[in-house]
C-alpha atoms as a PDB file:
ATOM      1  CA  MET A   1     -61.789 110.142 -89.150  1.00  0.00           C
ATOM      2  CA  THR A   2     -61.931 111.418 -92.689  1.00  0.00           C
ATOM      3  CA  ASP A   3     -64.626 111.703 -95.308  1.00  0.00           C
ATOM      4  CA  TRP A   4     -63.052 109.154 -97.722  1.00  0.00           C
ATOM      5  CA  PRO A   5     -66.012 109.352-100.226  1.00  0.00           C
ATOM      6  CA  VAL A   6     -65.345 113.012-100.706  1.00  0.00           C
ATOM      7  CA  LEU A   7     -61.616 112.461-101.176  1.00  0.00           C
ATOM      8  CA  LEU A   8     -62.200 109.591-103.590  1.00  0.00           C
ATOM      9  CA  ALA A   9     -64.737 111.705-105.617  1.00  0.00           C
ATOM     10  CA  GLU A  10     -62.172 114.496-105.876  1.00  0.00           C
ATOM     11  CA  ALA A  11     -59.483 111.974-107.030  1.00  0.00           C
ATOM     12  CA  ARG A  12     -61.831 110.703-109.713  1.00  0.00           C
ATOM     13  CA  ARG A  13     -62.617 114.173-110.802  1.00  0.00           C
ATOM     14  CA  ARG A  14     -58.922 115.061-111.139  1.00  0.00           C
ATOM     15  CA  SER A  15     -58.204 111.892-113.082  1.00  0.00           C
ATOM     16  CA  GLU A  16     -60.683 113.149-115.695  1.00  0.00           C
ATOM     17  CA  GLY A  17     -62.176 109.701-116.509  1.00  0.00           C
ATOM     18  CA  ALA A  18     -58.784 108.095-117.280  1.00  0.00           C
ATOM     19  CA  GLU A  19     -58.724 104.328-116.938  1.00  0.00           C
ATOM     20  CA  TRP A  20     -55.715 104.498-114.609  1.00  0.00           C
ATOM     21  CA  PRO A  21     -55.469 105.027-111.742  1.00  0.00           C
ATOM     22  CA  ARG A  22     -58.440 103.183-110.536  1.00  0.00           C
ATOM     23  CA  TRP A  23     -59.789 104.508-107.228  1.00  0.00           C
ATOM     24  CA  VAL A  24     -60.995 101.892-104.735  1.00  0.00           C
ATOM     25  CA  GLU A  25     -62.296 102.411-101.209  1.00  0.00           C
ATOM     26  CA  GLY A  26     -61.337  99.766 -98.755  1.00  0.00           C
ATOM     27  CA  ASP A  27     -59.636  98.920 -95.508  1.00  0.00           C
ATOM     28  CA  TYR A  28     -56.000  97.989 -95.991  1.00  0.00           C
ATOM     29  CA  ARG A  29     -56.320  95.214 -93.447  1.00  0.00           C
ATOM     30  CA  GLU A  30     -58.599  93.470 -95.845  1.00  0.00           C
ATOM     31  CA  LEU A  31     -57.643  94.493 -99.351  1.00  0.00           C
ATOM     32  CA  PRO A  32     -60.315  93.942-102.072  1.00  0.00           C
ATOM     33  CA  PHE A  33     -57.814  92.429-104.481  1.00  0.00           C
ATOM     34  CA  ALA A  34     -56.700  88.906-105.538  1.00  0.00           C
ATOM     35  CA  ALA A  35     -53.490  87.480-104.270  1.00  0.00           C
ATOM     36  CA  GLU A  36     -50.278  88.170-106.173  1.00  0.00           C
ATOM     37  CA  ARG A  37     -51.915  90.903-108.187  1.00  0.00           C
ATOM     38  CA  PHE A  38     -49.367  93.768-107.774  1.00  0.00           C
ATOM     39  CA  ASP A  39     -45.731  94.539-108.616  1.00  0.00           C
ATOM     40  CA  ALA A  40     -45.519  96.993-105.720  1.00  0.00           C
ATOM     41  CA  VAL A  41     -47.448  98.224-102.713  1.00  0.00           C
ATOM     42  CA  VAL A  42     -46.727 101.822-101.714  1.00  0.00           C
ATOM     43  CA  ASN A  43     -47.947 103.284 -98.467  1.00  0.00           C
ATOM     44  CA  LEU A  44     -46.958 106.910 -97.936  1.00  0.00           C
ATOM     45  CA  PHE A  45     -46.855 109.740 -95.357  1.00  0.00           C
ATOM     46  CA  THR A  46     -47.629 108.072 -92.057  1.00  0.00           C
ATOM     47  CA  SER A  47     -50.753 106.347 -93.266  1.00  0.00           C
ATOM     48  CA  PHE A  48     -49.728 103.288 -91.174  1.00  0.00           C
ATOM     49  CA  GLY A  49     -49.999 102.735 -87.450  1.00  0.00           C
ATOM     50  CA  PHE A  50     -53.626 103.486 -86.743  1.00  0.00           C
ATOM     51  CA  PHE A  51     -54.806  99.915 -85.776  1.00  0.00           C
ATOM     52  CA  GLY A  52     -52.424  98.796 -83.110  1.00  0.00           C
ATOM     53  CA  GLU A  53     -49.737  96.238 -83.467  1.00  0.00           C
ATOM     54  CA  GLU A  54     -52.177  93.366 -84.263  1.00  0.00           C
ATOM     55  CA  GLY A  55     -53.984  95.490 -86.926  1.00  0.00           C
ATOM     56  CA  ASP A  56     -50.663  96.728 -88.379  1.00  0.00           C
ATOM     57  CA  VAL A  57     -49.419  93.142 -88.724  1.00  0.00           C
ATOM     58  CA  GLN A  58     -52.711  92.292 -90.459  1.00  0.00           C
ATOM     59  CA  ALA A  59     -52.130  95.183 -92.888  1.00  0.00           C
ATOM     60  CA  LEU A  60     -48.540  94.124 -93.589  1.00  0.00           C
ATOM     61  CA  THR A  61     -49.821  90.639 -94.232  1.00  0.00           C
ATOM     62  CA  GLU A  62     -52.405  91.868 -96.657  1.00  0.00           C
ATOM     63  CA  PHE A  63     -49.690  93.956 -98.395  1.00  0.00           C
ATOM     64  CA  ARG A  64     -47.599  90.817 -98.783  1.00  0.00           C
ATOM     65  CA  ARG A  65     -50.592  88.682 -99.968  1.00  0.00           C
ATOM     66  CA  VAL A  66     -51.366  91.017-102.946  1.00  0.00           C
ATOM     67  CA  LEU A  67     -47.720  91.296-104.041  1.00  0.00           C
ATOM     68  CA  ARG A  68     -46.303  89.064-106.661  1.00  0.00           C
ATOM     69  CA  PRO A  69     -43.283  87.010-105.644  1.00  0.00           C
ATOM     70  CA  GLU A  70     -39.953  88.978-105.383  1.00  0.00           C
ATOM     71  CA  ARG A  71     -41.920  92.243-105.428  1.00  0.00           C
ATOM     72  CA  ALA A  72     -41.670  94.956-102.769  1.00  0.00           C
ATOM     73  CA  LEU A  73     -43.616  96.938-100.248  1.00  0.00           C
ATOM     74  CA  VAL A  74     -42.464 100.587 -99.844  1.00  0.00           C
ATOM     75  CA  LEU A  75     -43.765 102.130 -96.636  1.00  0.00           C
ATOM     76  CA  GLU A  76     -42.727 105.767 -95.877  1.00  0.00           C
ATOM     77  CA  THR A  77     -43.595 107.012 -92.352  1.00  0.00           C
ATOM     78  CA  MET A  78     -42.581 108.900 -89.265  1.00  0.00           C
ATOM     79  CA  HIS A  79     -40.551 106.810 -86.920  1.00  0.00           C
ATOM     80  CA  ARG A  80     -40.228 107.087 -83.136  1.00  0.00           C
ATOM     81  CA  ASP A  81     -36.702 108.598 -82.974  1.00  0.00           C
ATOM     82  CA  LEU A  82     -37.560 111.429 -85.362  1.00  0.00           C
ATOM     83  CA  LEU A  83     -40.795 112.082 -83.524  1.00  0.00           C
ATOM     84  CA  MET A  84     -38.909 112.327 -80.269  1.00  0.00           C
ATOM     85  CA  ALA A  85     -36.452 114.884 -81.812  1.00  0.00           C
ATOM     86  CA  ILE A  86     -39.167 117.176 -83.224  1.00  0.00           C
ATOM     87  CA  PHE A  87     -42.125 116.593 -80.872  1.00  0.00           C
ATOM     88  CA  ARG A  88     -44.177 119.666 -79.950  1.00  0.00           C
ATOM     89  CA  GLU A  89     -47.280 119.544 -77.725  1.00  0.00           C
ATOM     90  CA  ARG A  90     -49.126 122.239 -79.645  1.00  0.00           C
ATOM     91  CA  ASP A  91     -49.195 123.903 -83.095  1.00  0.00           C
ATOM     92  CA  ARG A  92     -51.211 126.708 -84.498  1.00  0.00           C
ATOM     93  CA  GLU A  93     -51.369 127.663 -88.224  1.00  0.00           C
ATOM     94  CA  GLU A  94     -53.185 130.561 -89.754  1.00  0.00           C
ATOM     95  CA  LEU A  95     -54.712 129.540 -93.014  1.00  0.00           C
ATOM     96  CA  PRO A  96     -55.055 131.621 -96.165  1.00  0.00           C
ATOM     97  CA  ASP A  97     -58.867 131.536 -95.955  1.00  0.00           C
ATOM     98  CA  GLY A  98     -58.749 133.208 -92.560  1.00  0.00           C
ATOM     99  CA  GLY A  99     -59.305 129.958 -90.677  1.00  0.00           C
ATOM    100  CA  VAL A 100     -57.048 128.432 -88.058  1.00  0.00           C
ATOM    101  CA  ARG A 101     -55.572 124.843 -87.786  1.00  0.00           C
ATOM    102  CA  LEU A 102     -54.827 123.839 -84.212  1.00  0.00           C
ATOM    103  CA  GLU A 103     -53.065 120.617 -83.228  1.00  0.00           C
ATOM    104  CA  ARG A 104     -52.465 119.311 -79.682  1.00  0.00           C
ATOM    105  CA  ARG A 105     -50.420 116.102 -79.046  1.00  0.00           C
ATOM    106  CA  ALA A 106     -49.434 113.747 -76.360  1.00  0.00           C
ATOM    107  CA  PHE A 107     -46.663 111.253 -76.834  1.00  0.00           C
ATOM    108  CA  ASP A 108     -45.646 108.211 -74.853  1.00  0.00           C
ATOM    109  CA  PRO A 109     -42.080 107.407 -76.059  1.00  0.00           C
ATOM    110  CA  VAL A 110     -42.005 103.991 -74.395  1.00  0.00           C
ATOM    111  CA  GLY A 111     -45.191 102.718 -75.948  1.00  0.00           C
ATOM    112  CA  GLY A 112     -44.640 104.796 -79.147  1.00  0.00           C
ATOM    113  CA  ILE A 113     -48.231 106.054 -79.011  1.00  0.00           C
ATOM    114  CA  CYS A 114     -49.025 109.620 -80.245  1.00  0.00           C
ATOM    115  CA  GLU A 115     -52.448 110.995 -79.387  1.00  0.00           C
ATOM    116  CA  VAL A 116     -53.556 113.822 -81.615  1.00  0.00           C
ATOM    117  CA  GLY A 117     -56.421 116.309 -81.520  1.00  0.00           C
ATOM    118  CA  LEU A 118     -56.636 118.264 -84.870  1.00  0.00           C
ATOM    119  CA  THR A 119     -59.016 121.198 -84.996  1.00  0.00           C
ATOM    120  CA  TYR A 120     -60.023 123.175 -88.017  1.00  0.00           C
ATOM    121  CA  TRP A 121     -61.686 126.438 -87.206  1.00  0.00           C
ATOM    122  CA  PRO A 122     -63.053 128.168 -90.315  1.00  0.00           C
ATOM    123  CA  LYS A 123     -63.345 131.995 -90.118  1.00  0.00           C
ATOM    124  CA  GLY A 124     -66.857 132.818 -88.809  1.00  0.00           C
ATOM    125  CA  ARG A 125     -67.919 129.279 -88.189  1.00  0.00           C
ATOM    126  CA  GLU A 126     -67.770 126.600 -85.477  1.00  0.00           C
ATOM    127  CA  PRO A 127     -64.627 124.474 -85.178  1.00  0.00           C
ATOM    128  CA  THR A 128     -64.429 120.815 -86.004  1.00  0.00           C
ATOM    129  CA  THR A 129     -62.118 118.556 -84.050  1.00  0.00           C
ATOM    130  CA  VAL A 130     -60.817 115.065 -85.076  1.00  0.00           C
ATOM    131  CA  GLU A 131     -58.954 112.959 -82.569  1.00  0.00           C
ATOM    132  CA  TYR A 132     -56.769 109.881 -83.293  1.00  0.00           C
ATOM    133  CA  ARG A 133     -54.061 107.620 -81.914  1.00  0.00           C
ATOM    134  CA  LEU A 134     -51.044 106.618 -83.906  1.00  0.00           C
ATOM    135  CA  ARG A 135     -48.511 103.947 -83.132  1.00  0.00           C
ATOM    136  CA  VAL A 136     -45.089 105.280 -84.212  1.00  0.00           C
ATOM    137  CA  TYR A 137     -42.556 102.493 -84.535  1.00  0.00           C
ATOM    138  CA  THR A 138     -38.850 102.183 -84.459  1.00  0.00           C
ATOM    139  CA  ALA A 139     -37.051 100.549 -87.352  1.00  0.00           C
ATOM    140  CA  GLY A 140     -36.380  97.502 -85.213  1.00  0.00           C
ATOM    141  CA  GLU A 141     -40.068  97.180 -84.314  1.00  0.00           C
ATOM    142  CA  LEU A 142     -40.997  97.470 -88.050  1.00  0.00           C
ATOM    143  CA  THR A 143     -38.456  94.859 -88.974  1.00  0.00           C
ATOM    144  CA  ARG A 144     -40.103  92.380 -86.462  1.00  0.00           C
ATOM    145  CA  LEU A 145     -43.599  93.243 -87.782  1.00  0.00           C
ATOM    146  CA  ALA A 146     -42.622  92.814 -91.431  1.00  0.00           C
ATOM    147  CA  ARG A 147     -40.993  89.433 -90.799  1.00  0.00           C
ATOM    148  CA  GLU A 148     -44.033  88.313 -88.743  1.00  0.00           C
ATOM    149  CA  ALA A 149     -46.158  89.241 -91.789  1.00  0.00           C
ATOM    150  CA  GLY A 150     -43.991  87.012 -93.938  1.00  0.00           C
ATOM    151  CA  PHE A 151     -41.619  89.505 -95.677  1.00  0.00           C
ATOM    152  CA  ALA A 152     -38.061  88.181 -96.116  1.00  0.00           C
ATOM    153  CA  GLU A 153     -35.701  91.085 -96.915  1.00  0.00           C
ATOM    154  CA  VAL A 154     -36.329  94.291 -94.933  1.00  0.00           C
ATOM    155  CA  GLU A 155     -34.268  97.408 -95.652  1.00  0.00           C
ATOM    156  CA  PHE A 156     -34.486 101.010 -94.371  1.00  0.00           C
ATOM    157  CA  TYR A 157     -33.671 104.309 -96.014  1.00  0.00           C
ATOM    158  CA  GLY A 158     -33.925 107.910 -94.872  1.00  0.00           C
ATOM    159  CA  ASP A 159     -34.940 109.404 -98.254  1.00  0.00           C
ATOM    160  CA  PRO A 160     -36.226 108.254-101.733  1.00  0.00           C
ATOM    161  CA  ASP A 161     -32.620 108.372-103.141  1.00  0.00           C
ATOM    162  CA  GLY A 162     -31.528 105.652-100.772  1.00  0.00           C
ATOM    163  CA  GLY A 163     -29.762 107.898 -98.135  1.00  0.00           C
ATOM    164  CA  PRO A 164     -29.236 106.369 -94.704  1.00  0.00           C
ATOM    165  CA  LEU A 165     -31.974 106.354 -92.023  1.00  0.00           C
ATOM    166  CA  SER A 166     -31.265 108.671 -89.147  1.00  0.00           C
ATOM    167  CA  ARG A 167     -32.926 110.539 -86.362  1.00  0.00           C
ATOM    168  CA  GLU A 168     -33.222 113.526 -88.742  1.00  0.00           C
ATOM    169  CA  THR A 169     -34.997 111.698 -91.609  1.00  0.00           C
ATOM    170  CA  ARG A 170     -38.251 110.031 -92.150  1.00  0.00           C
ATOM    171  CA  LEU A 171     -38.241 106.273 -92.491  1.00  0.00           C
ATOM    172  CA  ILE A 172     -38.643 104.399 -95.721  1.00  0.00           C
ATOM    173  CA  LEU A 173     -38.996 100.629 -95.390  1.00  0.00           C
ATOM    174  CA  VAL A 174     -38.510  98.383 -98.347  1.00  0.00           C
ATOM    175  CA  ALA A 175     -39.657  94.792 -97.739  1.00  0.00           C
ATOM    176  CA  LYS A 176     -39.505  92.078-100.353  1.00  0.00           C
ATOM    177  CA  ARG A 177     -41.967  89.304-100.637  1.00  0.00           C
ATOM    178  CA  PRO A 178     -40.260  85.822-100.983  1.00  0.00           C
END
């Protein structure tokens, strides 16, 4: 879907050889870290939901595995109710370099599946399209998945300041490892 080696190379370049952060390529369903290694796991901006319910539980289980006891997962994502409120089948964006970004979507609100075709059309060149499916969960569904993965306390917020979750906010899940 994305050229991760290019993104990691850019991240390394921007960190200018600093020891931290360390950039590691891997699949979050099988994290390349020892158990109980981290004080927090942070997953931001709808980078969860690409592997179906079974794969998503596997990812949550891995997040719990690498957390130290009493530490937390913070997962920030789109949720089904917000997506239903703002859903658009198509978007078009003119880019500063003269290119165009096109997005077409289909959404099944019962299954919570959003299918997306994202096209980047650089000025004077052929377009490139990437397609993907994303499972967009309700807070209740995420609670069930987090508990299935072994998390004890599960809380939801609508913003980083601890505001309430609503149809107008993104979703922030905070789940503590027992």
